[in-house]
Amino acid sequence: MKRKLFFYIIIAMVSFNLMSIVALASTDISYVQAENSDIEVRVDDIGYQYKVIDNVLYRRLYNFTARKPLGDWEVAP
């Protein structure tokens, strides 16, 4: 009796596992791609701003997005 019950439980567990595998295989997974117009860039454009005074090249970090300097003028190497 115990052997029969154990056998039925094993059969039930295997069949439930196979049903989930078959269900996963039959579902269609599709991904939605966002259009480029939906993407908003939030990264600041930071770079060096250069100027020449008395034939010496100077530079400073500048935030081109906010139009604000991020540092003082220094001699460019």
Protein backbone atom coordinates (compact mmCIF):
# COMPACT_ATOMS: atom_id res chain seq x y z
CA MET A 1 0.00 0.00 0.00
CA LYS A 2 2.75 2.45 0.95
CA ARG A 3 4.69 1.55 -2.17
CA LYS A 4 1.66 2.25 -4.38
CA LEU A 5 1.03 5.61 -2.69
CA PHE A 6 4.69 6.55 -3.07
CA PHE A 7 4.58 5.56 -6.75
CA TYR A 8 1.47 7.73 -7.38
CA ILE A 9 3.03 10.71 -5.63
CA ILE A 10 6.16 10.40 -7.78
CA ILE A 11 4.04 10.16 -10.95
CA ALA A 12 2.03 13.24 -9.91
CA MET A 13 5.20 15.27 -9.19
CA VAL A 14 6.78 14.36 -12.51
CA SER A 15 3.61 15.18 -14.45
CA PHE A 16 3.28 18.58 -12.74
CA ASN A 17 6.89 19.38 -13.56
CA LEU A 18 6.39 18.39 -17.19
CA MET A 19 3.24 20.52 -17.44
CA SER A 20 5.14 23.64 -16.32
CA ILE A 21 7.91 22.95 -18.86
CA VAL A 22 5.36 22.50 -21.66
CA ALA A 23 3.52 25.66 -20.59
CA LEU A 24 6.74 27.69 -20.63
CA ALA A 25 7.69 26.34 -24.03
CA SER A 26 4.34 27.25 -25.55
CA THR A 27 4.25 30.87 -24.35
CA ASP A 28 5.47 33.53 -26.75
CA ILE A 29 7.84 35.97 -25.10
CA SER A 30 8.07 39.28 -26.92
CA TYR A 31 9.99 42.39 -25.94
CA VAL A 32 8.83 45.91 -26.60
CA GLN A 33 11.51 48.25 -27.86
CA ALA A 34 11.25 51.90 -26.97
CA GLU A 35 11.36 54.37 -29.79
CA ASN A 36 14.16 56.90 -29.83
CA SER A 37 11.68 59.73 -29.29
CA ASP A 38 10.72 58.26 -25.89
CA ILE A 39 14.29 58.42 -24.57
CA GLU A 40 15.36 61.56 -22.77
CA VAL A 41 19.08 62.08 -22.27
CA ARG A 42 19.87 63.40 -18.80
CA VAL A 43 23.66 63.36 -18.89
CA ASP A 44 25.42 66.70 -18.83
CA ASP A 45 27.81 67.48 -21.67
CA ILE A 46 31.04 68.33 -19.82
CA GLY A 47 34.26 69.18 -21.56
CA TYR A 48 37.12 71.65 -21.70
CA GLN A 49 36.73 75.21 -22.87
CA TYR A 50 39.89 76.78 -24.30
CA LYS A 51 41.16 80.31 -24.80
CA VAL A 52 44.49 81.89 -25.77
CA ILE A 53 45.94 84.87 -23.89
CA ASP A 54 49.36 86.23 -24.95
CA ASN A 55 50.07 83.06 -26.97
CA VAL A 56 49.44 80.85 -23.89
CA LEU A 57 46.68 78.26 -24.09
CA TYR A 58 44.33 78.10 -21.10
CA ARG A 59 41.54 75.65 -20.37
CA ARG A 60 38.78 75.06 -17.83
CA LEU A 61 36.09 72.45 -17.31
CA TYR A 62 32.76 73.62 -18.63
CA ASN A 63 29.23 72.22 -18.46
CA PHE A 64 27.88 72.88 -21.95
CA THR A 65 24.39 71.70 -21.01
CA ALA A 66 23.96 74.15 -18.12
CA ARG A 67 26.33 76.70 -19.68
CA LYS A 68 28.32 77.08 -16.45
CA PRO A 69 32.05 76.81 -15.77
CA LEU A 70 33.08 74.03 -13.38
CA GLY A 71 36.53 75.30 -12.54
CA ASP A 72 39.07 78.07 -12.93
CA TRP A 73 41.26 78.76 -15.93
CA GLU A 74 44.55 76.82 -15.93
CA VAL A 75 47.45 76.53 -18.35
CA ALA A 76 46.79 73.68 -20.73
CA PRO A 77 49.58 71.10 -20.92
